[in-house]
Amino acid sequence: MASNVITLAVLMLAIGTVSTTRMPTSESYIAGNTPERRRATILGLYFFAGTEVSGLLTPVMGTLIDRFGFAYSFTVASTSMAAVVVVCSLFLWRNRV
């Protein structure tokens, strides 16, 4: 919860900046670390996960909020995202070692 409009605007600007600046880094990492024959597929999955999945999950989040409340729904969403980050980090760590 933001205490005023300026704080909300700064937070939204920061979130937008972080999400936009990570994309070229992620794309170049994918392009540099995947075999040529699978590169298009992996990038396709990356772009699908970045755009289409959010459109698919919006009604799910709305239903969760209606049934269980705002705080519980976002706790479930953030816990799920944290689990995905851990799993992906393990894959990245395994490939690095």
PDB file of N, CA and C in Angstrom:
ATOM      1  N   MET A   1       0.846  -1.174   0.000  1.00  0.00           N
ATOM      2  CA  MET A   1       0.000   0.000   0.000  1.00  0.00           C
ATOM      3  C   MET A   1       0.886   1.231   0.000  1.00  0.00           C
ATOM      4  N   ALA A   2       0.576   2.134  -0.872  1.00  0.00           N
ATOM      5  CA  ALA A   2       1.347   3.370  -0.985  1.00  0.00           C
ATOM      6  C   ALA A   2       0.663   4.464  -0.172  1.00  0.00           C
ATOM      7  N   SER A   3       1.470   5.277   0.482  1.00  0.00           N
ATOM      8  CA  SER A   3       0.915   6.324   1.329  1.00  0.00           C
ATOM      9  C   SER A   3       0.396   7.521   0.523  1.00  0.00           C
ATOM     10  N   ASN A   4       0.940   7.718  -0.673  1.00  0.00           N
ATOM     11  CA  ASN A   4       0.454   8.816  -1.521  1.00  0.00           C
ATOM     12  C   ASN A   4       0.714   8.492  -2.992  1.00  0.00           C
ATOM     13  N   VAL A   5       0.263   9.365  -3.868  1.00  0.00           N
ATOM     14  CA  VAL A   5       0.365   9.125  -5.309  1.00  0.00           C
ATOM     15  C   VAL A   5       1.817   9.138  -5.772  1.00  0.00           C
ATOM     16  N   ILE A   6       2.644   9.978  -5.209  1.00  0.00           N
ATOM     17  CA  ILE A   6       4.052  10.065  -5.626  1.00  0.00           C
ATOM     18  C   ILE A   6       4.778   8.759  -5.325  1.00  0.00           C
ATOM     19  N   THR A   7       4.549   8.204  -4.146  1.00  0.00           N
ATOM     20  CA  THR A   7       5.162   6.926  -3.799  1.00  0.00           C
ATOM     21  C   THR A   7       4.702   5.829  -4.749  1.00  0.00           C
ATOM     22  N   LEU A   8       3.420   5.807  -5.055  1.00  0.00           N
ATOM     23  CA  LEU A   8       2.884   4.816  -5.987  1.00  0.00           C
ATOM     24  C   LEU A   8       3.515   4.971  -7.369  1.00  0.00           C
ATOM     25  N   ALA A   9       3.648   6.219  -7.848  1.00  0.00           N
ATOM     26  CA  ALA A   9       4.249   6.456  -9.160  1.00  0.00           C
ATOM     27  C   ALA A   9       5.705   6.015  -9.192  1.00  0.00           C
ATOM     28  N   VAL A  10       6.457   6.288  -8.143  1.00  0.00           N
ATOM     29  CA  VAL A  10       7.864   5.877  -8.080  1.00  0.00           C
ATOM     30  C   VAL A  10       7.971   4.350  -8.064  1.00  0.00           C
ATOM     31  N   LEU A  11       7.113   3.683  -7.288  1.00  0.00           N
ATOM     32  CA  LEU A  11       7.122   2.223  -7.251  1.00  0.00           C
ATOM     33  C   LEU A  11       6.772   1.622  -8.608  1.00  0.00           C
ATOM     34  N   MET A  12       5.768   2.171  -9.273  1.00  0.00           N
ATOM     35  CA  MET A  12       5.389   1.652 -10.587  1.00  0.00           C
ATOM     36  C   MET A  12       6.500   1.884 -11.613  1.00  0.00           C
ATOM     37  N   LEU A  13       7.157   3.043 -11.545  1.00  0.00           N
ATOM     38  CA  LEU A  13       8.279   3.320 -12.443  1.00  0.00           C
ATOM     39  C   LEU A  13       9.426   2.346 -12.188  1.00  0.00           C
ATOM     40  N   ALA A  14       9.718   2.063 -10.933  1.00  0.00           N
ATOM     41  CA  ALA A  14      10.797   1.123 -10.599  1.00  0.00           C
ATOM     42  C   ALA A  14      10.466  -0.287 -11.091  1.00  0.00           C
ATOM     43  N   ILE A  15       9.238  -0.732 -10.891  1.00  0.00           N
ATOM     44  CA  ILE A  15       8.837  -2.065 -11.352  1.00  0.00           C
ATOM     45  C   ILE A  15       8.925  -2.153 -12.864  1.00  0.00           C
ATOM     46  N   GLY A  16       8.456  -1.127 -13.564  1.00  0.00           N
ATOM     47  CA  GLY A  16       8.538  -1.109 -15.025  1.00  0.00           C
ATOM     48  C   GLY A  16       9.965  -1.111 -15.531  1.00  0.00           C
ATOM     49  N   THR A  17      10.827  -0.346 -14.870  1.00  0.00           N
ATOM     50  CA  THR A  17      12.234  -0.287 -15.274  1.00  0.00           C
ATOM     51  C   THR A  17      12.920  -1.633 -15.070  1.00  0.00           C
ATOM     52  N   VAL A  18      12.699  -2.247 -13.933  1.00  0.00           N
ATOM     53  CA  VAL A  18      13.332  -3.539 -13.650  1.00  0.00           C
ATOM     54  C   VAL A  18      12.852  -4.603 -14.627  1.00  0.00           C
ATOM     55  N   SER A  19      11.541  -4.656 -14.879  1.00  0.00           N
ATOM     56  CA  SER A  19      11.034  -5.694 -15.774  1.00  0.00           C
ATOM     57  C   SER A  19      11.463  -5.465 -17.214  1.00  0.00           C
ATOM     58  N   THR A  20      11.651  -4.229 -17.616  1.00  0.00           N
ATOM     59  CA  THR A  20      12.080  -3.940 -18.985  1.00  0.00           C
ATOM     60  C   THR A  20      13.577  -4.176 -19.168  1.00  0.00           C
ATOM     61  N   THR A  21      14.393  -3.829 -18.197  1.00  0.00           N
ATOM     62  CA  THR A  21      15.839  -3.977 -18.352  1.00  0.00           C
ATOM     63  C   THR A  21      16.303  -5.421 -18.222  1.00  0.00           C
ATOM     64  N   ARG A  22      15.526  -6.281 -17.605  1.00  0.00           N
ATOM     65  CA  ARG A  22      15.929  -7.682 -17.486  1.00  0.00           C
ATOM     66  C   ARG A  22      15.759  -8.437 -18.795  1.00  0.00           C
ATOM     67  N   MET A  23      14.868  -7.984 -19.664  1.00  0.00           N
ATOM     68  CA  MET A  23      14.569  -8.740 -20.883  1.00  0.00           C
ATOM     69  C   MET A  23      15.769  -8.904 -21.818  1.00  0.00           C
ATOM     70  N   PRO A  24      16.492  -7.846 -22.192  1.00  0.00           N
ATOM     71  CA  PRO A  24      17.646  -8.061 -23.082  1.00  0.00           C
ATOM     72  C   PRO A  24      18.714  -8.959 -22.467  1.00  0.00           C
ATOM     73  N   THR A  25      18.895  -8.855 -21.171  1.00  0.00           N
ATOM     74  CA  THR A  25      19.865  -9.709 -20.496  1.00  0.00           C
ATOM     75  C   THR A  25      19.441 -11.164 -20.558  1.00  0.00           C
ATOM     76  N   SER A  26      18.179 -11.419 -20.284  1.00  0.00           N
ATOM     77  CA  SER A  26      17.664 -12.792 -20.335  1.00  0.00           C
ATOM     78  C   SER A  26      17.719 -13.346 -21.754  1.00  0.00           C
ATOM     79  N   GLU A  27      17.340 -12.532 -22.730  1.00  0.00           N
ATOM     80  CA  GLU A  27      17.349 -12.991 -24.122  1.00  0.00           C
ATOM     81  C   GLU A  27      18.758 -13.323 -24.585  1.00  0.00           C
ATOM     82  N   SER A  28      19.725 -12.488 -24.242  1.00  0.00           N
ATOM     83  CA  SER A  28      21.096 -12.776 -24.666  1.00  0.00           C
ATOM     84  C   SER A  28      21.653 -13.997 -23.947  1.00  0.00           C
ATOM     85  N   TYR A  29      21.263 -14.196 -22.685  1.00  0.00           N
ATOM     86  CA  TYR A  29      21.690 -15.399 -21.967  1.00  0.00           C
ATOM     87  C   TYR A  29      21.128 -16.643 -22.646  1.00  0.00           C
ATOM     88  N   ILE A  30      19.846 -16.600 -22.984  1.00  0.00           N
ATOM     89  CA  ILE A  30      19.220 -17.740 -23.654  1.00  0.00           C
ATOM     90  C   ILE A  30      19.879 -17.994 -24.996  1.00  0.00           C
ATOM     91  N   ALA A  31      20.089 -16.945 -25.775  1.00  0.00           N
ATOM     92  CA  ALA A  31      20.690 -17.098 -27.102  1.00  0.00           C
ATOM     93  C   ALA A  31      22.122 -17.635 -27.019  1.00  0.00           C
ATOM     94  N   GLY A  32      22.846 -17.236 -25.987  1.00  0.00           N
ATOM     95  CA  GLY A  32      24.232 -17.674 -25.865  1.00  0.00           C
ATOM     96  C   GLY A  32      24.427 -19.037 -25.236  1.00  0.00           C
ATOM     97  N   ASN A  33      23.413 -19.544 -24.561  1.00  0.00           N
ATOM     98  CA  ASN A  33      23.579 -20.790 -23.813  1.00  0.00           C
ATOM     99  C   ASN A  33      22.657 -21.920 -24.251  1.00  0.00           C
ATOM    100  N   THR A  34      22.019 -21.786 -25.390  1.00  0.00           N
ATOM    101  CA  THR A  34      21.196 -22.874 -25.905  1.00  0.00           C
ATOM    102  C   THR A  34      21.720 -23.296 -27.266  1.00  0.00           C
ATOM    103  N   PRO A  35      21.572 -24.559 -27.590  1.00  0.00           N
ATOM    104  CA  PRO A  35      22.014 -25.017 -28.905  1.00  0.00           C
ATOM    105  C   PRO A  35      21.193 -24.337 -30.012  1.00  0.00           C
ATOM    106  N   GLU A  36      21.812 -24.131 -31.161  1.00  0.00           N
ATOM    107  CA  GLU A  36      21.141 -23.445 -32.267  1.00  0.00           C
ATOM    108  C   GLU A  36      19.826 -24.099 -32.658  1.00  0.00           C
ATOM    109  N   ARG A  37      19.787 -25.400 -32.644  1.00  0.00           N
ATOM    110  CA  ARG A  37      18.579 -26.102 -33.089  1.00  0.00           C
ATOM    111  C   ARG A  37      17.413 -25.931 -32.126  1.00  0.00           C
ATOM    112  N   ARG A  38      17.669 -25.544 -30.889  1.00  0.00           N
ATOM    113  CA  ARG A  38      16.593 -25.355 -29.904  1.00  0.00           C
ATOM    114  C   ARG A  38      16.364 -23.898 -29.530  1.00  0.00           C
ATOM    115  N   ARG A  39      17.153 -22.994 -30.048  1.00  0.00           N
ATOM    116  CA  ARG A  39      17.111 -21.589 -29.645  1.00  0.00           C
ATOM    117  C   ARG A  39      15.745 -20.957 -29.886  1.00  0.00           C
ATOM    118  N   ALA A  40      15.155 -21.176 -31.053  1.00  0.00           N
ATOM    119  CA  ALA A  40      13.857 -20.567 -31.366  1.00  0.00           C
ATOM    120  C   ALA A  40      12.771 -21.101 -30.426  1.00  0.00           C
ATOM    121  N   THR A  41      12.827 -22.378 -30.124  1.00  0.00           N
ATOM    122  CA  THR A  41      11.830 -22.967 -29.221  1.00  0.00           C
ATOM    123  C   THR A  41      11.946 -22.384 -27.821  1.00  0.00           C
ATOM    124  N   ILE A  42      13.166 -22.292 -27.325  1.00  0.00           N
ATOM    125  CA  ILE A  42      13.380 -21.766 -25.973  1.00  0.00           C
ATOM    126  C   ILE A  42      12.978 -20.297 -25.906  1.00  0.00           C
ATOM    127  N   LEU A  43      13.356 -19.508 -26.902  1.00  0.00           N
ATOM    128  CA  LEU A  43      12.951 -18.101 -26.904  1.00  0.00           C
ATOM    129  C   LEU A  43      11.435 -17.969 -27.028  1.00  0.00           C
ATOM    130  N   GLY A  44      10.804 -18.840 -27.807  1.00  0.00           N
ATOM    131  CA  GLY A  44       9.350 -18.831 -27.904  1.00  0.00           C
ATOM    132  C   GLY A  44       8.689 -19.107 -26.564  1.00  0.00           C
ATOM    133  N   LEU A  45       9.216 -20.088 -25.839  1.00  0.00           N
ATOM    134  CA  LEU A  45       8.689 -20.382 -24.506  1.00  0.00           C
ATOM    135  C   LEU A  45       8.916 -19.214 -23.547  1.00  0.00           C
ATOM    136  N   TYR A  46      10.066 -18.572 -23.662  1.00  0.00           N
ATOM    137  CA  TYR A  46      10.372 -17.416 -22.818  1.00  0.00           C
ATOM    138  C   TYR A  46       9.380 -16.279 -23.071  1.00  0.00           C
ATOM    139  N   PHE A  47       9.139 -15.968 -24.344  1.00  0.00           N
ATOM    140  CA  PHE A  47       8.201 -14.895 -24.663  1.00  0.00           C
ATOM    141  C   PHE A  47       6.777 -15.266 -24.292  1.00  0.00           C
ATOM    142  N   PHE A  48       6.401 -16.536 -24.473  1.00  0.00           N
ATOM    143  CA  PHE A  48       5.073 -16.983 -24.068  1.00  0.00           C
ATOM    144  C   PHE A  48       4.893 -16.829 -22.563  1.00  0.00           C
ATOM    145  N   ALA A  49       5.897 -17.247 -21.811  1.00  0.00           N
ATOM    146  CA  ALA A  49       5.807 -17.145 -20.354  1.00  0.00           C
ATOM    147  C   ALA A  49       5.738 -15.693 -19.911  1.00  0.00           C
ATOM    148  N   GLY A  50       6.404 -14.809 -20.629  1.00  0.00           N
ATOM    149  CA  GLY A  50       6.425 -13.400 -20.242  1.00  0.00           C
ATOM    150  C   GLY A  50       5.157 -12.642 -20.562  1.00  0.00           C
ATOM    151  N   THR A  51       4.422 -13.062 -21.595  1.00  0.00           N
ATOM    152  CA  THR A  51       3.249 -12.286 -21.992  1.00  0.00           C
ATOM    153  C   THR A  51       1.950 -13.062 -21.849  1.00  0.00           C
ATOM    154  N   GLU A  52       1.873 -14.191 -22.466  1.00  0.00           N
ATOM    155  CA  GLU A  52       0.603 -14.918 -22.515  1.00  0.00           C
ATOM    156  C   GLU A  52       0.196 -15.515 -21.186  1.00  0.00           C
ATOM    157  N   VAL A  53       1.153 -15.973 -20.412  1.00  0.00           N
ATOM    158  CA  VAL A  53       0.804 -16.602 -19.140  1.00  0.00           C
ATOM    159  C   VAL A  53       0.136 -15.601 -18.205  1.00  0.00           C
ATOM    160  N   SER A  54       0.603 -14.353 -18.228  1.00  0.00           N
ATOM    161  CA  SER A  54      -0.038 -13.359 -17.363  1.00  0.00           C
ATOM    162  C   SER A  54      -1.491 -13.134 -17.761  1.00  0.00           C
ATOM    163  N   GLY A  55      -1.782 -13.184 -19.049  1.00  0.00           N
ATOM    164  CA  GLY A  55      -3.166 -13.065 -19.499  1.00  0.00           C
ATOM    165  C   GLY A  55      -4.015 -14.253 -19.088  1.00  0.00           C
ATOM    166  N   LEU A  56      -3.411 -15.417 -19.049  1.00  0.00           N
ATOM    167  CA  LEU A  56      -4.134 -16.610 -18.626  1.00  0.00           C
ATOM    168  C   LEU A  56      -4.349 -16.650 -17.111  1.00  0.00           C
ATOM    169  N   LEU A  57      -3.406 -16.103 -16.374  1.00  0.00           N
ATOM    170  CA  LEU A  57      -3.496 -16.166 -14.913  1.00  0.00           C
ATOM    171  C   LEU A  57      -4.374 -15.085 -14.306  1.00  0.00           C
ATOM    172  N   THR A  58      -4.698 -14.040 -15.052  1.00  0.00           N
ATOM    173  CA  THR A  58      -5.515 -12.961 -14.507  1.00  0.00           C
ATOM    174  C   THR A  58      -6.871 -13.454 -14.007  1.00  0.00           C
ATOM    175  N   PRO A  59      -7.616 -14.242 -14.795  1.00  0.00           N
ATOM    176  CA  PRO A  59      -8.888 -14.749 -14.254  1.00  0.00           C
ATOM    177  C   PRO A  59      -8.701 -15.683 -13.049  1.00  0.00           C
ATOM    178  N   VAL A  60      -7.606 -16.421 -13.035  1.00  0.00           N
ATOM    179  CA  VAL A  60      -7.339 -17.309 -11.900  1.00  0.00           C
ATOM    180  C   VAL A  60      -7.128 -16.483 -10.635  1.00  0.00           C
ATOM    181  N   MET A  61      -6.326 -15.419 -10.741  1.00  0.00           N
ATOM    182  CA  MET A  61      -6.098 -14.552  -9.581  1.00  0.00           C
ATOM    183  C   MET A  61      -7.396 -13.883  -9.150  1.00  0.00           C
ATOM    184  N   GLY A  62      -8.215 -13.468 -10.101  1.00  0.00           N
ATOM    185  CA  GLY A  62      -9.494 -12.859  -9.757  1.00  0.00           C
ATOM    186  C   GLY A  62     -10.390 -13.814  -8.988  1.00  0.00           C
ATOM    187  N   THR A  63     -10.418 -15.058  -9.425  1.00  0.00           N
ATOM    188  CA  THR A  63     -11.219 -16.067  -8.732  1.00  0.00           C
ATOM    189  C   THR A  63     -10.685 -16.327  -7.334  1.00  0.00           C
ATOM    190  N   LEU A  64      -9.349 -16.429  -7.209  1.00  0.00           N
ATOM    191  CA  LEU A  64      -8.757 -16.629  -5.881  1.00  0.00           C
ATOM    192  C   LEU A  64      -9.075 -15.466  -4.949  1.00  0.00           C
ATOM    193  N   ILE A  65      -8.982 -14.237  -5.470  1.00  0.00           N
ATOM    194  CA  ILE A  65      -9.268 -13.062  -4.646  1.00  0.00           C
ATOM    195  C   ILE A  65     -10.731 -13.073  -4.203  1.00  0.00           C
ATOM    196  N   ASP A  66     -11.638 -13.419  -5.118  1.00  0.00           N
ATOM    197  CA  ASP A  66     -13.055 -13.478  -4.753  1.00  0.00           C
ATOM    198  C   ASP A  66     -13.334 -14.534  -3.691  1.00  0.00           C
ATOM    199  N   ARG A  67     -12.678 -15.667  -3.784  1.00  0.00           N
ATOM    200  CA  ARG A  67     -12.954 -16.766  -2.852  1.00  0.00           C
ATOM    201  C   ARG A  67     -12.211 -16.657  -1.526  1.00  0.00           C
ATOM    202  N   PHE A  68     -10.925 -16.257  -1.589  1.00  0.00           N
ATOM    203  CA  PHE A  68     -10.087 -16.332  -0.386  1.00  0.00           C
ATOM    204  C   PHE A  68      -9.590 -14.990   0.130  1.00  0.00           C
ATOM    205  N   GLY A  69      -9.720 -13.945  -0.645  1.00  0.00           N
ATOM    206  CA  GLY A  69      -9.257 -12.638  -0.210  1.00  0.00           C
ATOM    207  C   GLY A  69      -7.943 -12.248  -0.882  1.00  0.00           C
ATOM    208  N   PHE A  70      -7.681 -10.967  -0.834  1.00  0.00           N
ATOM    209  CA  PHE A  70      -6.529 -10.379  -1.516  1.00  0.00           C
ATOM    210  C   PHE A  70      -5.202 -10.885  -0.953  1.00  0.00           C
ATOM    211  N   ALA A  71      -5.037 -10.814   0.366  1.00  0.00           N
ATOM    212  CA  ALA A  71      -3.755 -11.173   0.989  1.00  0.00           C
ATOM    213  C   ALA A  71      -3.403 -12.640   0.750  1.00  0.00           C
ATOM    214  N   TYR A  72      -4.355 -13.528   0.938  1.00  0.00           N
ATOM    215  CA  TYR A  72      -4.095 -14.953   0.738  1.00  0.00           C
ATOM    216  C   TYR A  72      -3.736 -15.247  -0.718  1.00  0.00           C
ATOM    217  N   SER A  73      -4.452 -14.635  -1.644  1.00  0.00           N
ATOM    218  CA  SER A  73      -4.213 -14.879  -3.069  1.00  0.00           C
ATOM    219  C   SER A  73      -2.820 -14.446  -3.483  1.00  0.00           C
ATOM    220  N   PHE A  74      -2.390 -13.288  -3.025  1.00  0.00           N
ATOM    221  CA  PHE A  74      -1.054 -12.834  -3.392  1.00  0.00           C
ATOM    222  C   PHE A  74       0.029 -13.585  -2.636  1.00  0.00           C
ATOM    223  N   THR A  75      -0.289 -14.126  -1.473  1.00  0.00           N
ATOM    224  CA  THR A  75       0.659 -15.000  -0.782  1.00  0.00           C
ATOM    225  C   THR A  75       0.875 -16.271  -1.589  1.00  0.00           C
ATOM    226  N   VAL A  76      -0.211 -16.846  -2.095  1.00  0.00           N
ATOM    227  CA  VAL A  76      -0.107 -18.045  -2.938  1.00  0.00           C
ATOM    228  C   VAL A  76       0.678 -17.726  -4.207  1.00  0.00           C
ATOM    229  N   ALA A  77       0.389 -16.584  -4.838  1.00  0.00           N
ATOM    230  CA  ALA A  77       1.085 -16.210  -6.071  1.00  0.00           C
ATOM    231  C   ALA A  77       2.573 -15.987  -5.824  1.00  0.00           C
ATOM    232  N   SER A  78       2.908 -15.283  -4.757  1.00  0.00           N
ATOM    233  CA  SER A  78       4.328 -15.012  -4.495  1.00  0.00           C
ATOM    234  C   SER A  78       5.077 -16.272  -4.075  1.00  0.00           C
ATOM    235  N   THR A  79       4.436 -17.142  -3.332  1.00  0.00           N
ATOM    236  CA  THR A  79       5.066 -18.411  -2.954  1.00  0.00           C
ATOM    237  C   THR A  79       5.308 -19.279  -4.185  1.00  0.00           C
ATOM    238  N   SER A  80       4.337 -19.296  -5.084  1.00  0.00           N
ATOM    239  CA  SER A  80       4.497 -20.058  -6.330  1.00  0.00           C
ATOM    240  C   SER A  80       5.638 -19.510  -7.168  1.00  0.00           C
ATOM    241  N   MET A  81       5.717 -18.198  -7.273  1.00  0.00           N
ATOM    242  CA  MET A  81       6.803 -17.593  -8.050  1.00  0.00           C
ATOM    243  C   MET A  81       8.162 -17.854  -7.403  1.00  0.00           C
ATOM    244  N   ALA A  82       8.208 -17.817  -6.085  1.00  0.00           N
ATOM    245  CA  ALA A  82       9.465 -18.108  -5.393  1.00  0.00           C
ATOM    246  C   ALA A  82       9.903 -19.544  -5.664  1.00  0.00           C
ATOM    247  N   ALA A  83       8.953 -20.466  -5.698  1.00  0.00           N
ATOM    248  CA  ALA A  83       9.286 -21.860  -5.996  1.00  0.00           C
ATOM    249  C   ALA A  83       9.823 -21.998  -7.420  1.00  0.00           C
ATOM    250  N   VAL A  84       9.220 -21.301  -8.364  1.00  0.00           N
ATOM    251  CA  VAL A  84       9.709 -21.335  -9.748  1.00  0.00           C
ATOM    252  C   VAL A  84      11.121 -20.762  -9.828  1.00  0.00           C
ATOM    253  N   VAL A  85      11.367 -19.684  -9.116  1.00  0.00           N
ATOM    254  CA  VAL A  85      12.715 -19.087  -9.109  1.00  0.00           C
ATOM    255  C   VAL A  85      13.739 -20.066  -8.547  1.00  0.00           C
ATOM    256  N   VAL A  86      13.390 -20.756  -7.478  1.00  0.00           N
ATOM    257  CA  VAL A  86      14.318 -21.731  -6.890  1.00  0.00           C
ATOM    258  C   VAL A  86      14.609 -22.855  -7.868  1.00  0.00           C
ATOM    259  N   VAL A  87      13.578 -23.397  -8.498  1.00  0.00           N
ATOM    260  CA  VAL A  87      13.777 -24.492  -9.457  1.00  0.00           C
ATOM    261  C   VAL A  87      14.643 -24.020 -10.627  1.00  0.00           C
ATOM    262  N   CYS A  88      14.330 -22.857 -11.188  1.00  0.00           N
ATOM    263  CA  CYS A  88      15.129 -22.336 -12.312  1.00  0.00           C
ATOM    264  C   CYS A  88      16.560 -22.038 -11.884  1.00  0.00           C
ATOM    265  N   SER A  89      16.726 -21.537 -10.673  1.00  0.00           N
ATOM    266  CA  SER A  89      18.079 -21.276 -10.174  1.00  0.00           C
ATOM    267  C   SER A  89      18.890 -22.554 -10.047  1.00  0.00           C
ATOM    268  N   LEU A  90      18.233 -23.626  -9.630  1.00  0.00           N
ATOM    269  CA  LEU A  90      18.933 -24.911  -9.535  1.00  0.00           C
ATOM    270  C   LEU A  90      19.386 -25.386 -10.914  1.00  0.00           C
ATOM    271  N   PHE A  91      18.531 -25.219 -11.931  1.00  0.00           N
ATOM    272  CA  PHE A  91      18.940 -25.574 -13.291  1.00  0.00           C
ATOM    273  C   PHE A  91      20.116 -24.726 -13.756  1.00  0.00           C
ATOM    274  N   LEU A  92      20.064 -23.426 -13.491  1.00  0.00           N
ATOM    275  CA  LEU A  92      21.162 -22.538 -13.883  1.00  0.00           C
ATOM    276  C   LEU A  92      22.435 -22.898 -13.139  1.00  0.00           C
ATOM    277  N   TRP A  93      22.318 -23.172 -11.849  1.00  0.00           N
ATOM    278  CA  TRP A  93      23.488 -23.514 -11.048  1.00  0.00           C
ATOM    279  C   TRP A  93      24.105 -24.814 -11.527  1.00  0.00           C
ATOM    280  N   ARG A  94      23.258 -25.795 -11.864  1.00  0.00           N
ATOM    281  CA  ARG A  94      23.745 -27.080 -12.349  1.00  0.00           C
ATOM    282  C   ARG A  94      24.507 -26.923 -13.669  1.00  0.00           C
ATOM    283  N   ASN A  95      24.014 -26.049 -14.543  1.00  0.00           N
ATOM    284  CA  ASN A  95      24.693 -25.825 -15.826  1.00  0.00           C
ATOM    285  C   ASN A  95      25.978 -25.035 -15.677  1.00  0.00           C
ATOM    286  N   ARG A  96      26.081 -24.262 -14.625  1.00  0.00           N
ATOM    287  CA  ARG A  96      27.279 -23.444 -14.424  1.00  0.00           C
ATOM    288  C   ARG A  96      28.426 -24.252 -13.830  1.00  0.00           C
ATOM    289  N   VAL A  97      28.096 -25.220 -12.988  1.00  0.00           N
ATOM    290  CA  VAL A  97      29.127 -26.000 -12.288  1.00  0.00           C
ATOM    291  C   VAL A  97      29.729 -27.030 -13.210  1.00  0.00           C
TER     292      VAL A  97
END
